[in-house]
Amino acid sequence: MPKVRSKSTKNKLGPMFGGCSEEEIRSRTLPQLIKPNLSILFVGINPGLYSAYKGHYYSKKGNHFWPCLVQSKLVPAHFTPDNDQDCLGLEPSIGFTDIVSRCTRAQSELRDEEFDEGAEKLRVKLLKYNPMVVVFNGKQIFARFVGKKLKDVSCGRQSYRLPGCFSVFYTMSNTSPLNAHYPNVQSRIFFYDEIKALIAEQKVSPYWPVQVKSAPSELNSEKTDDVS
């Protein structure tokens, strides 16, 4: 007789997930790592399974995000995804969020209404915290945020401004290793050099600094439903 897999184990993931079921990991969200007057706020799409399991942004092995941060010297050489919260205290300070908080196996699982709702929540966060530079890790995210077609979005500094917010907006190619346009870390470093130049520009802007002392840092997962 063929073996019958029990319900309790059929959705178990591999050893790298510590024996957790997919249902359990899908129920997790990442903390919103943001505080007033950040130098950089990185915006992703939503947590993938491995990042949700680890509880840290861009945790999946092979993702170019953290190696790029290290090589660009935006973070200390020993920093890994486990140090995402420590980035809030760096100079320049770095925060993290996603446009959709719900964890999925694939981005294709996300619904249009989730992007719409997430974009509105992101606008509220930006008005509340006023980061110097908002960096979208992928053109698709920025396209969703501003309501454009993907073909109409290019990488680099964006002309878009959010009324009432002093942030400069920047889009870079997503840091997945499957992105054939930028096959390795070195091919992406120019994005991070441009981000550093924008920070320097913002620091001498007559509109900066914007004091938002009344807004506390967000270090806990939001109750609302953010692929890293």
N, C-alpha and C. Protein backbone atom coordinates (compact mmCIF):
# COMPACT_ATOMS: atom_id res chain seq x y z
N MET A 1 0.84 -1.20 0.00
CA MET A 1 0.00 0.00 0.00
C MET A 1 0.88 1.25 0.00
N PRO A 2 0.48 2.30 -0.74
CA PRO A 2 1.27 3.53 -0.73
C PRO A 2 1.18 4.22 0.62
N LYS A 3 2.26 4.89 0.98
CA LYS A 3 2.28 5.61 2.25
C LYS A 3 1.38 6.84 2.16
N VAL A 4 0.65 7.08 3.23
CA VAL A 4 -0.21 8.25 3.31
C VAL A 4 0.47 9.27 4.20
N ARG A 5 0.71 10.47 3.66
CA ARG A 5 1.38 11.51 4.42
C ARG A 5 0.37 12.17 5.36
N SER A 6 0.74 12.32 6.59
CA SER A 6 -0.17 12.90 7.57
C SER A 6 -0.30 14.40 7.35
N LYS A 7 -1.45 14.94 7.76
CA LYS A 7 -1.68 16.37 7.61
C LYS A 7 -0.68 17.19 8.40
N SER A 8 -0.19 16.63 9.49
CA SER A 8 0.69 17.40 10.36
C SER A 8 2.08 17.61 9.76
N THR A 9 2.44 16.80 8.75
CA THR A 9 3.78 16.93 8.19
C THR A 9 3.80 17.30 6.72
N LYS A 10 2.69 17.21 6.01
CA LYS A 10 2.74 17.39 4.56
C LYS A 10 3.15 18.80 4.15
N ASN A 11 2.96 19.77 5.04
CA ASN A 11 3.35 21.13 4.72
C ASN A 11 4.63 21.56 5.41
N LYS A 12 5.35 20.57 5.94
CA LYS A 12 6.64 20.89 6.56
C LYS A 12 7.63 21.30 5.49
N LEU A 13 8.42 22.32 5.81
CA LEU A 13 9.45 22.77 4.88
C LEU A 13 10.76 22.07 5.18
N GLY A 14 11.80 22.38 4.42
CA GLY A 14 13.08 21.69 4.57
C GLY A 14 13.80 22.05 5.87
N PRO A 15 14.95 21.41 6.09
CA PRO A 15 15.72 21.62 7.32
C PRO A 15 16.10 23.07 7.56
N MET A 16 16.29 23.84 6.51
CA MET A 16 16.69 25.24 6.69
C MET A 16 15.61 26.07 7.37
N PHE A 17 14.39 25.51 7.45
CA PHE A 17 13.29 26.21 8.12
C PHE A 17 13.03 25.66 9.51
N GLY A 18 13.94 24.87 10.03
CA GLY A 18 13.84 24.40 11.41
C GLY A 18 12.63 23.55 11.72
N GLY A 19 12.10 22.87 10.70
CA GLY A 19 10.95 22.01 10.94
C GLY A 19 9.62 22.74 11.00
N CYS A 20 9.61 24.02 10.73
CA CYS A 20 8.35 24.78 10.75
C CYS A 20 7.48 24.42 9.55
N SER A 21 6.20 24.52 9.73
CA SER A 21 5.30 24.32 8.60
C SER A 21 5.19 25.61 7.80
N GLU A 22 4.78 25.46 6.54
CA GLU A 22 4.62 26.65 5.70
C GLU A 22 3.52 27.55 6.26
N GLU A 23 2.46 26.94 6.80
CA GLU A 23 1.38 27.74 7.37
C GLU A 23 1.87 28.61 8.52
N GLU A 24 2.73 28.05 9.36
CA GLU A 24 3.25 28.81 10.48
C GLU A 24 4.07 30.00 10.01
N ILE A 25 4.95 29.77 9.03
CA ILE A 25 5.82 30.85 8.55
C ILE A 25 5.01 31.92 7.82
N ARG A 26 4.01 31.49 7.08
CA ARG A 26 3.17 32.47 6.37
C ARG A 26 2.43 33.40 7.32
N SER A 27 2.26 32.99 8.55
CA SER A 27 1.55 33.82 9.53
C SER A 27 2.44 34.91 10.12
N ARG A 28 3.74 34.87 9.82
CA ARG A 28 4.68 35.82 10.41
C ARG A 28 4.81 37.08 9.55
N THR A 29 5.16 38.17 10.21
CA THR A 29 5.48 39.41 9.50
C THR A 29 6.83 39.91 10.00
N LEU A 30 7.42 40.83 9.26
CA LEU A 30 8.68 41.43 9.67
C LEU A 30 8.43 42.72 10.43
N PRO A 31 9.31 43.08 11.36
CA PRO A 31 9.15 44.35 12.08
C PRO A 31 9.33 45.53 11.15
N GLN A 32 8.63 46.60 11.44
CA GLN A 32 8.81 47.84 10.70
C GLN A 32 9.98 48.59 11.31
N LEU A 33 11.11 48.62 10.64
CA LEU A 33 12.32 49.25 11.18
C LEU A 33 12.44 50.65 10.62
N ILE A 34 11.87 51.60 11.34
CA ILE A 34 11.80 52.97 10.86
C ILE A 34 11.75 53.91 12.05
N LYS A 35 12.38 55.07 11.89
CA LYS A 35 12.37 56.09 12.93
C LYS A 35 12.39 57.45 12.25
N PRO A 36 12.13 58.53 13.00
CA PRO A 36 12.13 59.86 12.38
C PRO A 36 13.48 60.21 11.77
N ASN A 37 13.42 60.87 10.62
CA ASN A 37 14.59 61.46 9.97
C ASN A 37 15.68 60.45 9.62
N LEU A 38 15.28 59.26 9.20
CA LEU A 38 16.25 58.30 8.69
C LEU A 38 17.00 58.87 7.50
N SER A 39 18.23 58.42 7.32
CA SER A 39 18.95 58.78 6.11
C SER A 39 18.40 58.02 4.90
N ILE A 40 18.18 56.72 5.08
CA ILE A 40 17.69 55.86 3.99
C ILE A 40 16.58 54.96 4.51
N LEU A 41 15.49 54.88 3.78
CA LEU A 41 14.47 53.88 4.04
C LEU A 41 14.38 52.98 2.82
N PHE A 42 14.74 51.71 2.98
CA PHE A 42 14.61 50.74 1.89
C PHE A 42 13.21 50.13 1.92
N VAL A 43 12.57 50.10 0.75
CA VAL A 43 11.23 49.56 0.62
C VAL A 43 11.27 48.33 -0.28
N GLY A 44 10.88 47.18 0.27
CA GLY A 44 10.79 45.95 -0.50
C GLY A 44 9.35 45.65 -0.89
N ILE A 45 9.14 44.51 -1.52
CA ILE A 45 7.77 44.12 -1.91
C ILE A 45 7.05 43.50 -0.73
N ASN A 46 7.50 42.33 -0.30
CA ASN A 46 6.92 41.65 0.86
C ASN A 46 7.87 40.54 1.29
N PRO A 47 7.73 40.02 2.48
CA PRO A 47 8.67 38.99 2.94
C PRO A 47 8.48 37.65 2.22
N GLY A 48 9.58 37.05 1.81
CA GLY A 48 9.55 35.67 1.35
C GLY A 48 9.56 34.73 2.55
N LEU A 49 9.42 33.45 2.27
CA LEU A 49 9.33 32.49 3.36
C LEU A 49 10.57 32.50 4.26
N TYR A 50 11.76 32.56 3.65
CA TYR A 50 12.96 32.44 4.48
C TYR A 50 13.19 33.70 5.32
N SER A 51 12.93 34.86 4.76
CA SER A 51 13.06 36.09 5.55
C SER A 51 12.05 36.12 6.69
N ALA A 52 10.84 35.65 6.42
CA ALA A 52 9.84 35.59 7.50
C ALA A 52 10.26 34.60 8.58
N TYR A 53 10.83 33.47 8.16
CA TYR A 53 11.30 32.47 9.13
C TYR A 53 12.41 33.05 10.00
N LYS A 54 13.36 33.75 9.39
CA LYS A 54 14.48 34.31 10.14
C LYS A 54 14.10 35.58 10.91
N GLY A 55 13.08 36.28 10.45
CA GLY A 55 12.66 37.51 11.11
C GLY A 55 13.51 38.71 10.75
N HIS A 56 14.22 38.63 9.61
CA HIS A 56 15.10 39.72 9.19
C HIS A 56 14.98 39.95 7.68
N TYR A 57 15.19 41.19 7.28
CA TYR A 57 15.03 41.57 5.88
C TYR A 57 16.14 40.99 4.99
N TYR A 58 15.74 40.52 3.81
CA TYR A 58 16.65 40.04 2.76
C TYR A 58 17.58 38.94 3.30
N SER A 59 16.98 37.97 3.97
CA SER A 59 17.76 36.90 4.60
C SER A 59 18.13 35.75 3.67
N LYS A 60 17.43 35.62 2.56
CA LYS A 60 17.65 34.46 1.71
C LYS A 60 19.07 34.46 1.15
N LYS A 61 19.71 33.31 1.26
CA LYS A 61 21.09 33.18 0.79
C LYS A 61 21.16 33.46 -0.71
N GLY A 62 22.17 34.22 -1.09
CA GLY A 62 22.34 34.56 -2.50
C GLY A 62 21.82 35.94 -2.85
N ASN A 63 20.91 36.48 -2.03
CA ASN A 63 20.43 37.82 -2.30
C ASN A 63 21.58 38.81 -2.20
N HIS A 64 21.67 39.73 -3.15
CA HIS A 64 22.81 40.64 -3.21
C HIS A 64 22.69 41.84 -2.27
N PHE A 65 21.56 41.96 -1.58
CA PHE A 65 21.31 43.18 -0.82
C PHE A 65 22.38 43.46 0.24
N TRP A 66 22.62 42.54 1.15
CA TRP A 66 23.56 42.80 2.23
C TRP A 66 25.01 42.87 1.75
N PRO A 67 25.45 42.01 0.84
CA PRO A 67 26.80 42.19 0.30
C PRO A 67 27.01 43.56 -0.35
N CYS A 68 25.96 44.09 -1.01
CA CYS A 68 26.07 45.42 -1.61
C CYS A 68 26.19 46.50 -0.54
N LEU A 69 25.42 46.38 0.52
CA LEU A 69 25.52 47.35 1.61
C LEU A 69 26.92 47.36 2.20
N VAL A 70 27.49 46.15 2.38
CA VAL A 70 28.83 46.04 2.96
C VAL A 70 29.88 46.62 2.00
N GLN A 71 29.83 46.21 0.73
CA GLN A 71 30.85 46.66 -0.22
C GLN A 71 30.78 48.17 -0.48
N SER A 72 29.61 48.74 -0.36
CA SER A 72 29.46 50.18 -0.55
C SER A 72 29.83 50.96 0.71
N LYS A 73 30.10 50.23 1.78
CA LYS A 73 30.50 50.81 3.08
C LYS A 73 29.39 51.62 3.73
N LEU A 74 28.15 51.28 3.39
CA LEU A 74 27.02 51.88 4.10
C LEU A 74 26.82 51.22 5.45
N VAL A 75 27.31 49.99 5.61
CA VAL A 75 27.24 49.27 6.89
C VAL A 75 28.60 48.67 7.18
N PRO A 76 28.91 48.34 8.45
CA PRO A 76 30.18 47.70 8.78
C PRO A 76 30.36 46.37 8.07
N ALA A 77 31.59 45.95 7.90
CA ALA A 77 31.92 44.76 7.12
C ALA A 77 31.32 43.48 7.68
N HIS A 78 31.04 43.44 8.98
CA HIS A 78 30.53 42.21 9.59
C HIS A 78 29.01 42.12 9.57
N PHE A 79 28.32 43.13 9.04
CA PHE A 79 26.86 43.14 9.10
C PHE A 79 26.25 42.09 8.17
N THR A 80 25.20 41.46 8.66
CA THR A 80 24.41 40.46 7.95
C THR A 80 22.94 40.80 8.15
N PRO A 81 22.02 40.02 7.57
CA PRO A 81 20.60 40.29 7.83
C PRO A 81 20.24 40.36 9.31
N ASP A 82 20.97 39.64 10.15
CA ASP A 82 20.69 39.68 11.59
C ASP A 82 20.89 41.05 12.19
N ASN A 83 21.58 41.92 11.47
CA ASN A 83 21.88 43.27 11.97
C ASN A 83 20.93 44.33 11.43
N ASP A 84 19.80 43.92 10.86
CA ASP A 84 18.93 44.92 10.24
C ASP A 84 18.47 45.99 11.23
N GLN A 85 18.13 45.59 12.44
CA GLN A 85 17.70 46.58 13.43
C GLN A 85 18.85 47.50 13.85
N ASP A 86 20.08 46.98 13.87
CA ASP A 86 21.25 47.78 14.24
C ASP A 86 21.48 48.92 13.25
N CYS A 87 20.98 48.77 12.02
CA CYS A 87 21.19 49.80 11.00
C CYS A 87 20.50 51.12 11.35
N LEU A 88 19.50 51.07 12.22
CA LEU A 88 18.83 52.29 12.63
C LEU A 88 19.78 53.25 13.35
N GLY A 89 20.80 52.70 14.02
CA GLY A 89 21.72 53.52 14.78
C GLY A 89 22.98 53.91 14.05
N LEU A 90 23.09 53.55 12.78
CA LEU A 90 24.28 53.89 12.00
C LEU A 90 24.23 55.34 11.52
N GLU A 91 25.35 55.80 11.00
CA GLU A 91 25.40 57.08 10.30
C GLU A 91 26.08 56.84 8.95
N PRO A 92 25.34 56.89 7.85
CA PRO A 92 23.93 57.25 7.76
C PRO A 92 23.01 56.14 8.29
N SER A 93 21.89 56.54 8.87
CA SER A 93 20.94 55.58 9.44
C SER A 93 20.12 54.94 8.33
N ILE A 94 19.78 53.67 8.54
CA ILE A 94 19.08 52.88 7.52
C ILE A 94 17.89 52.17 8.15
N GLY A 95 16.75 52.25 7.50
CA GLY A 95 15.55 51.56 7.97
C GLY A 95 14.98 50.67 6.88
N PHE A 96 14.01 49.85 7.26
CA PHE A 96 13.46 48.86 6.34
C PHE A 96 11.95 48.73 6.51
N THR A 97 11.27 48.57 5.39
CA THR A 97 9.86 48.25 5.40
C THR A 97 9.54 47.54 4.08
N ASP A 98 8.31 47.07 3.93
CA ASP A 98 7.83 46.46 2.69
C ASP A 98 6.51 47.11 2.34
N ILE A 99 6.17 47.11 1.07
CA ILE A 99 4.91 47.71 0.66
C ILE A 99 3.72 46.82 1.04
N VAL A 100 3.96 45.51 1.13
CA VAL A 100 2.95 44.57 1.61
C VAL A 100 3.58 43.74 2.72
N SER A 101 2.88 43.59 3.82
CA SER A 101 3.46 42.90 4.97
C SER A 101 3.27 41.39 4.94
N ARG A 102 2.31 40.90 4.13
CA ARG A 102 1.99 39.47 4.14
C ARG A 102 3.10 38.64 3.50
N CYS A 103 3.51 37.58 4.20
CA CYS A 103 4.51 36.66 3.69
C CYS A 103 3.91 35.73 2.64
N THR A 104 4.63 35.53 1.53
CA THR A 104 4.20 34.60 0.50
C THR A 104 5.39 33.81 -0.02
N ARG A 105 5.09 32.71 -0.68
CA ARG A 105 6.14 31.94 -1.36
C ARG A 105 6.60 32.65 -2.63
N ALA A 106 5.66 33.32 -3.31
CA ALA A 106 5.97 34.02 -4.56
C ALA A 106 5.21 35.34 -4.62
N GLN A 107 5.79 36.31 -5.30
CA GLN A 107 5.16 37.62 -5.42
C GLN A 107 3.83 37.54 -6.17
N SER A 108 3.69 36.55 -7.04
CA SER A 108 2.48 36.40 -7.84
C SER A 108 1.25 36.12 -6.98
N GLU A 109 1.46 35.74 -5.73
CA GLU A 109 0.34 35.49 -4.82
C GLU A 109 -0.30 36.76 -4.31
N LEU A 110 0.38 37.88 -4.44
CA LEU A 110 -0.13 39.14 -3.91
C LEU A 110 -1.26 39.68 -4.78
N ARG A 111 -2.26 40.25 -4.14
CA ARG A 111 -3.42 40.77 -4.84
C ARG A 111 -3.26 42.29 -5.08
N ASP A 112 -3.92 42.79 -6.11
CA ASP A 112 -3.84 44.22 -6.44
C ASP A 112 -4.28 45.08 -5.26
N GLU A 113 -5.32 44.64 -4.56
CA GLU A 113 -5.80 45.45 -3.44
C GLU A 113 -4.79 45.51 -2.30
N GLU A 114 -3.94 44.47 -2.17
CA GLU A 114 -2.90 44.50 -1.15
C GLU A 114 -1.85 45.56 -1.48
N PHE A 115 -1.50 45.68 -2.77
CA PHE A 115 -0.56 46.72 -3.19
C PHE A 115 -1.17 48.10 -2.95
N ASP A 116 -2.44 48.27 -3.29
CA ASP A 116 -3.10 49.56 -3.12
C ASP A 116 -3.13 49.97 -1.66
N GLU A 117 -3.52 49.03 -0.81
CA GLU A 117 -3.57 49.29 0.63
C GLU A 117 -2.18 49.57 1.18
N GLY A 118 -1.19 48.78 0.73
CA GLY A 118 0.18 48.96 1.19
C GLY A 118 0.76 50.30 0.76
N ALA A 119 0.43 50.74 -0.46
CA ALA A 119 0.93 52.02 -0.95
C ALA A 119 0.39 53.16 -0.10
N GLU A 120 -0.86 53.09 0.27
CA GLU A 120 -1.44 54.13 1.11
C GLU A 120 -0.80 54.14 2.50
N LYS A 121 -0.56 52.97 3.07
CA LYS A 121 0.11 52.90 4.38
C LYS A 121 1.52 53.45 4.30
N LEU A 122 2.20 53.18 3.18
CA LEU A 122 3.56 53.69 3.02
C LEU A 122 3.55 55.21 2.94
N ARG A 123 2.60 55.79 2.24
CA ARG A 123 2.51 57.25 2.17
C ARG A 123 2.34 57.85 3.57
N VAL A 124 1.53 57.20 4.39
CA VAL A 124 1.32 57.68 5.76
C VAL A 124 2.63 57.62 6.55
N LYS A 125 3.38 56.53 6.39
CA LYS A 125 4.67 56.39 7.09
C LYS A 125 5.66 57.47 6.65
N LEU A 126 5.69 57.74 5.36
CA LEU A 126 6.65 58.72 4.85
C LEU A 126 6.33 60.12 5.36
N LEU A 127 5.06 60.46 5.42
CA LEU A 127 4.66 61.76 5.94
C LEU A 127 4.96 61.86 7.43
N LYS A 128 4.88 60.75 8.13
CA LYS A 128 5.12 60.73 9.58
C LYS A 128 6.60 60.81 9.92
N TYR A 129 7.44 60.10 9.13
CA TYR A 129 8.85 59.95 9.51
C TYR A 129 9.84 60.74 8.65
N ASN A 130 9.46 61.15 7.46
CA ASN A 130 10.31 61.96 6.59
C ASN A 130 11.75 61.46 6.44
N PRO A 131 11.95 60.26 5.89
CA PRO A 131 13.33 59.83 5.62
C PRO A 131 13.96 60.70 4.54
N MET A 132 15.29 60.85 4.59
CA MET A 132 15.97 61.66 3.58
C MET A 132 15.78 61.07 2.18
N VAL A 133 16.08 59.78 2.04
CA VAL A 133 16.02 59.11 0.74
C VAL A 133 15.20 57.83 0.89
N VAL A 134 14.20 57.68 0.05
CA VAL A 134 13.39 56.46 0.03
C VAL A 134 13.83 55.64 -1.17
N VAL A 135 14.32 54.42 -0.91
CA VAL A 135 14.87 53.58 -1.97
C VAL A 135 13.95 52.37 -2.18
N PHE A 136 13.42 52.25 -3.38
CA PHE A 136 12.57 51.11 -3.73
C PHE A 136 13.45 50.01 -4.33
N ASN A 137 13.45 48.86 -3.69
CA ASN A 137 14.27 47.74 -4.14
C ASN A 137 13.53 46.97 -5.23
N GLY A 138 13.45 47.60 -6.39
CA GLY A 138 12.77 47.00 -7.52
C GLY A 138 11.82 47.99 -8.18
N LYS A 139 11.85 48.06 -9.50
CA LYS A 139 10.99 48.99 -10.23
C LYS A 139 9.52 48.69 -10.04
N GLN A 140 9.19 47.39 -9.89
CA GLN A 140 7.79 47.02 -9.74
C GLN A 140 7.17 47.67 -8.52
N ILE A 141 7.94 47.80 -7.44
CA ILE A 141 7.41 48.38 -6.20
C ILE A 141 7.08 49.85 -6.40
N PHE A 142 8.02 50.57 -7.03
CA PHE A 142 7.77 52.00 -7.25
C PHE A 142 6.60 52.19 -8.21
N ALA A 143 6.52 51.36 -9.24
CA ALA A 143 5.41 51.46 -10.19
C ALA A 143 4.07 51.30 -9.47
N ARG A 144 4.01 50.33 -8.57
CA ARG A 144 2.79 50.12 -7.80
C ARG A 144 2.50 51.31 -6.88
N PHE A 145 3.55 51.87 -6.30
CA PHE A 145 3.39 52.97 -5.35
C PHE A 145 2.82 54.22 -6.02
N VAL A 146 3.29 54.52 -7.23
CA VAL A 146 2.85 55.75 -7.90
C VAL A 146 1.77 55.50 -8.94
N GLY A 147 1.38 54.25 -9.14
CA GLY A 147 0.32 53.94 -10.09
C GLY A 147 0.72 54.04 -11.54
N LYS A 148 1.98 53.67 -11.84
CA LYS A 148 2.46 53.67 -13.22
C LYS A 148 2.59 52.25 -13.74
N LYS A 149 2.70 52.13 -15.07
CA LYS A 149 3.03 50.85 -15.66
C LYS A 149 4.52 50.60 -15.50
N LEU A 150 4.89 49.33 -15.36
CA LEU A 150 6.29 48.99 -15.13
C LEU A 150 7.19 49.52 -16.24
N LYS A 151 6.72 49.49 -17.47
CA LYS A 151 7.53 49.94 -18.61
C LYS A 151 7.83 51.43 -18.56
N ASP A 152 7.07 52.17 -17.76
CA ASP A 152 7.25 53.62 -17.66
C ASP A 152 8.15 54.02 -16.49
N VAL A 153 8.72 53.02 -15.80
CA VAL A 153 9.59 53.30 -14.65
C VAL A 153 11.01 52.90 -14.97
N SER A 154 11.95 53.76 -14.67
CA SER A 154 13.36 53.44 -14.85
C SER A 154 14.07 53.54 -13.51
N CYS A 155 15.25 52.95 -13.43
CA CYS A 155 16.04 53.02 -12.20
C CYS A 155 16.66 54.41 -12.06
N GLY A 156 17.02 54.75 -10.83
CA GLY A 156 17.65 56.02 -10.56
C GLY A 156 16.77 56.95 -9.76
N ARG A 157 17.19 58.19 -9.67
CA ARG A 157 16.42 59.21 -8.94
C ARG A 157 15.11 59.46 -9.68
N GLN A 158 14.04 59.60 -8.90
CA GLN A 158 12.73 59.82 -9.47
C GLN A 158 12.31 61.28 -9.30
N SER A 159 11.56 61.79 -10.26
CA SER A 159 11.05 63.16 -10.17
C SER A 159 9.84 63.25 -9.25
N TYR A 160 9.27 62.12 -8.90
CA TYR A 160 8.08 62.09 -8.04
C TYR A 160 8.36 62.73 -6.69
N ARG A 161 7.42 63.54 -6.22
CA ARG A 161 7.48 64.07 -4.86
C ARG A 161 6.14 63.81 -4.19
N LEU A 162 6.19 63.47 -2.92
CA LEU A 162 4.97 63.26 -2.13
C LEU A 162 4.65 64.56 -1.42
N PRO A 163 3.53 65.18 -1.71
CA PRO A 163 3.20 66.46 -1.07
C PRO A 163 3.25 66.37 0.46
N GLY A 164 3.95 67.31 1.07
CA GLY A 164 4.08 67.32 2.51
C GLY A 164 5.24 66.51 3.03
N CYS A 165 5.97 65.85 2.14
CA CYS A 165 7.12 65.01 2.53
C CYS A 165 8.36 65.54 1.82
N PHE A 166 9.49 65.59 2.54
CA PHE A 166 10.72 66.14 1.98
C PHE A 166 11.63 65.06 1.42
N SER A 167 11.17 63.82 1.39
CA SER A 167 12.00 62.71 0.92
C SER A 167 12.28 62.81 -0.57
N VAL A 168 13.48 62.34 -0.95
CA VAL A 168 13.84 62.13 -2.35
C VAL A 168 13.62 60.64 -2.64
N PHE A 169 13.09 60.33 -3.81
CA PHE A 169 12.76 58.95 -4.15
C PHE A 169 13.75 58.39 -5.17
N TYR A 170 14.15 57.14 -4.94
CA TYR A 170 15.15 56.48 -5.78
C TYR A 170 14.73 55.04 -5.99
N THR A 171 14.92 54.55 -7.21
CA THR A 171 14.58 53.17 -7.53
C THR A 171 15.82 52.44 -8.04
N MET A 172 16.07 51.26 -7.48
CA MET A 172 17.17 50.42 -7.99
C MET A 172 16.61 49.08 -8.44
N SER A 173 17.37 48.37 -9.21
CA SER A 173 16.95 47.05 -9.66
C SER A 173 16.89 46.11 -8.47
N ASN A 174 15.91 45.22 -8.45
CA ASN A 174 15.78 44.33 -7.30
C ASN A 174 17.02 43.46 -7.14
N THR A 175 17.33 43.13 -5.90
CA THR A 175 18.62 42.50 -5.57
C THR A 175 18.60 40.98 -5.63
N SER A 176 17.59 40.41 -6.25
CA SER A 176 17.57 38.96 -6.42
C SER A 176 18.73 38.50 -7.31
N PRO A 177 19.38 37.39 -6.96
CA PRO A 177 20.47 36.87 -7.81
C PRO A 177 19.97 36.36 -9.15
N LEU A 178 18.66 36.22 -9.31
CA LEU A 178 18.08 35.77 -10.57
C LEU A 178 17.93 36.91 -11.57
N ASN A 179 18.23 38.12 -11.14
CA ASN A 179 18.13 39.29 -12.00
C ASN A 179 19.32 39.31 -12.96
N ALA A 180 19.09 38.92 -14.21
CA ALA A 180 20.18 38.74 -15.18
C ALA A 180 20.85 40.05 -15.58
N HIS A 181 20.17 41.17 -15.40
CA HIS A 181 20.77 42.45 -15.78
C HIS A 181 21.94 42.81 -14.86
N TYR A 182 21.88 42.34 -13.63
CA TYR A 182 22.94 42.64 -12.65
C TYR A 182 23.32 41.32 -11.97
N PRO A 183 24.19 40.53 -12.61
CA PRO A 183 24.43 39.15 -12.17
C PRO A 183 25.28 38.99 -10.93
N ASN A 184 25.93 40.08 -10.47
CA ASN A 184 26.78 39.95 -9.30
C ASN A 184 26.75 41.24 -8.49
N VAL A 185 27.36 41.19 -7.32
CA VAL A 185 27.34 42.33 -6.40
C VAL A 185 28.01 43.55 -7.03
N GLN A 186 29.17 43.35 -7.65
CA GLN A 186 29.93 44.47 -8.18
C GLN A 186 29.15 45.24 -9.23
N SER A 187 28.32 44.56 -9.98
CA SER A 187 27.56 45.24 -11.04
C SER A 187 26.48 46.15 -10.49
N ARG A 188 26.22 46.05 -9.20
CA ARG A 188 25.15 46.84 -8.58
C ARG A 188 25.65 48.00 -7.72
N ILE A 189 26.94 48.06 -7.44
CA ILE A 189 27.45 49.01 -6.47
C ILE A 189 27.13 50.46 -6.86
N PHE A 190 27.04 50.73 -8.16
CA PHE A 190 26.77 52.12 -8.56
C PHE A 190 25.45 52.62 -8.02
N PHE A 191 24.46 51.72 -7.82
CA PHE A 191 23.20 52.15 -7.22
C PHE A 191 23.45 52.74 -5.84
N TYR A 192 24.26 52.07 -5.07
CA TYR A 192 24.52 52.48 -3.68
C TYR A 192 25.37 53.74 -3.63
N ASP A 193 26.27 53.91 -4.61
CA ASP A 193 27.04 55.15 -4.69
C ASP A 193 26.11 56.34 -4.98
N GLU A 194 25.13 56.11 -5.84
CA GLU A 194 24.18 57.19 -6.15
C GLU A 194 23.31 57.50 -4.93
N ILE A 195 22.96 56.48 -4.16
CA ILE A 195 22.18 56.71 -2.94
C ILE A 195 22.98 57.55 -1.94
N LYS A 196 24.27 57.24 -1.80
CA LYS A 196 25.11 58.03 -0.88
C LYS A 196 25.21 59.48 -1.35
N ALA A 197 25.26 59.69 -2.65
CA ALA A 197 25.32 61.06 -3.18
C ALA A 197 24.02 61.81 -2.88
N LEU A 198 22.89 61.12 -2.93
CA LEU A 198 21.61 61.76 -2.61
C LEU A 198 21.55 62.15 -1.13
N ILE A 199 22.10 61.30 -0.28
CA ILE A 199 22.13 61.64 1.16
C ILE A 199 22.94 62.91 1.38
N ALA A 200 24.10 62.99 0.75
CA ALA A 200 24.93 64.18 0.88
C ALA A 200 24.20 65.43 0.38
N GLU A 201 23.45 65.27 -0.71
CA GLU A 201 22.68 66.38 -1.26
C GLU A 201 21.59 66.83 -0.30
N GLN A 202 20.90 65.86 0.29
CA GLN A 202 19.82 66.17 1.23
C GLN A 202 20.34 66.89 2.47
N LYS A 203 21.52 66.53 2.91
CA LYS A 203 22.07 67.12 4.14
C LYS A 203 22.31 68.61 4.01
N VAL A 204 22.57 69.09 2.80
CA VAL A 204 22.80 70.52 2.60
C VAL A 204 21.57 71.22 2.05
N SER A 205 20.47 70.49 1.93
CA SER A 205 19.24 71.08 1.44
C SER A 205 18.69 72.06 2.47
N PRO A 206 18.13 73.19 2.04
CA PRO A 206 17.55 74.14 3.00
C PRO A 206 16.32 73.59 3.70
N TYR A 207 15.77 72.48 3.19
CA TYR A 207 14.59 71.88 3.81
C TYR A 207 14.95 70.86 4.88
N TRP A 208 16.24 70.64 5.10
CA TRP A 208 16.67 69.59 6.01
C TRP A 208 17.55 70.20 7.10
N PRO A 209 17.51 69.74 8.39
CA PRO A 209 16.72 68.60 8.82
C PRO A 209 15.28 68.98 9.15
N VAL A 210 14.40 68.03 8.98
CA VAL A 210 13.01 68.18 9.38
C VAL A 210 12.85 67.47 10.71
N GLN A 211 12.53 68.17 11.75
CA GLN A 211 12.44 67.56 13.07
C GLN A 211 11.06 66.92 13.25
N VAL A 212 11.03 65.64 13.54
CA VAL A 212 9.79 64.91 13.75
C VAL A 212 9.90 64.22 15.10
N LYS A 213 10.16 64.97 16.13
CA LYS A 213 10.46 64.40 17.43
C LYS A 213 9.28 63.65 18.05
N SER A 214 8.07 64.00 17.65
CA SER A 214 6.90 63.39 18.28
C SER A 214 6.64 61.98 17.81
N ALA A 215 7.25 61.56 16.71
CA ALA A 215 6.99 60.24 16.16
C ALA A 215 7.98 59.23 16.70
N PRO A 216 7.52 58.20 17.41
CA PRO A 216 8.44 57.18 17.94
C PRO A 216 8.91 56.24 16.85
N SER A 217 9.99 55.51 17.12
CA SER A 217 10.44 54.49 16.19
C SER A 217 9.46 53.34 16.16
N GLU A 218 9.36 52.66 15.02
CA GLU A 218 8.53 51.47 14.91
C GLU A 218 9.45 50.27 14.83
N LEU A 219 9.52 49.50 15.93
CA LEU A 219 10.41 48.35 15.98
C LEU A 219 9.65 47.05 16.09
N ASN A 220 8.33 47.10 16.02
CA ASN A 220 7.54 45.89 16.16
C ASN A 220 6.70 45.70 14.91
N SER A 221 6.35 44.44 14.66
CA SER A 221 5.51 44.14 13.51
C SER A 221 4.15 44.81 13.68
N GLU A 222 3.63 45.36 12.59
CA GLU A 222 2.32 45.96 12.64
C GLU A 222 1.27 44.86 12.68
N LYS A 223 0.13 45.18 13.24
CA LYS A 223 -0.94 44.19 13.33
C LYS A 223 -1.57 43.95 11.96
N THR A 224 -1.47 44.92 11.08
CA THR A 224 -2.01 44.71 9.73
C THR A 224 -1.07 43.84 8.94
N ASP A 225 -1.76 43.18 8.00
CA ASP A 225 -0.93 42.36 7.13
C ASP A 225 -0.16 43.24 6.14
N ASP A 226 4.19 42.55 4.64
CA ASP A 226 5.13 43.19 3.77
C ASP A 226 5.81 42.03 3.07
N VAL A 227 8.96 40.49 -1.06
CA VAL A 227 9.44 39.11 -0.83
C VAL A 227 10.92 39.38 -0.69
N SER A 228 11.37 39.10 0.53
CA SER A 228 12.73 39.49 0.80
C SER A 228 13.57 38.27 0.84
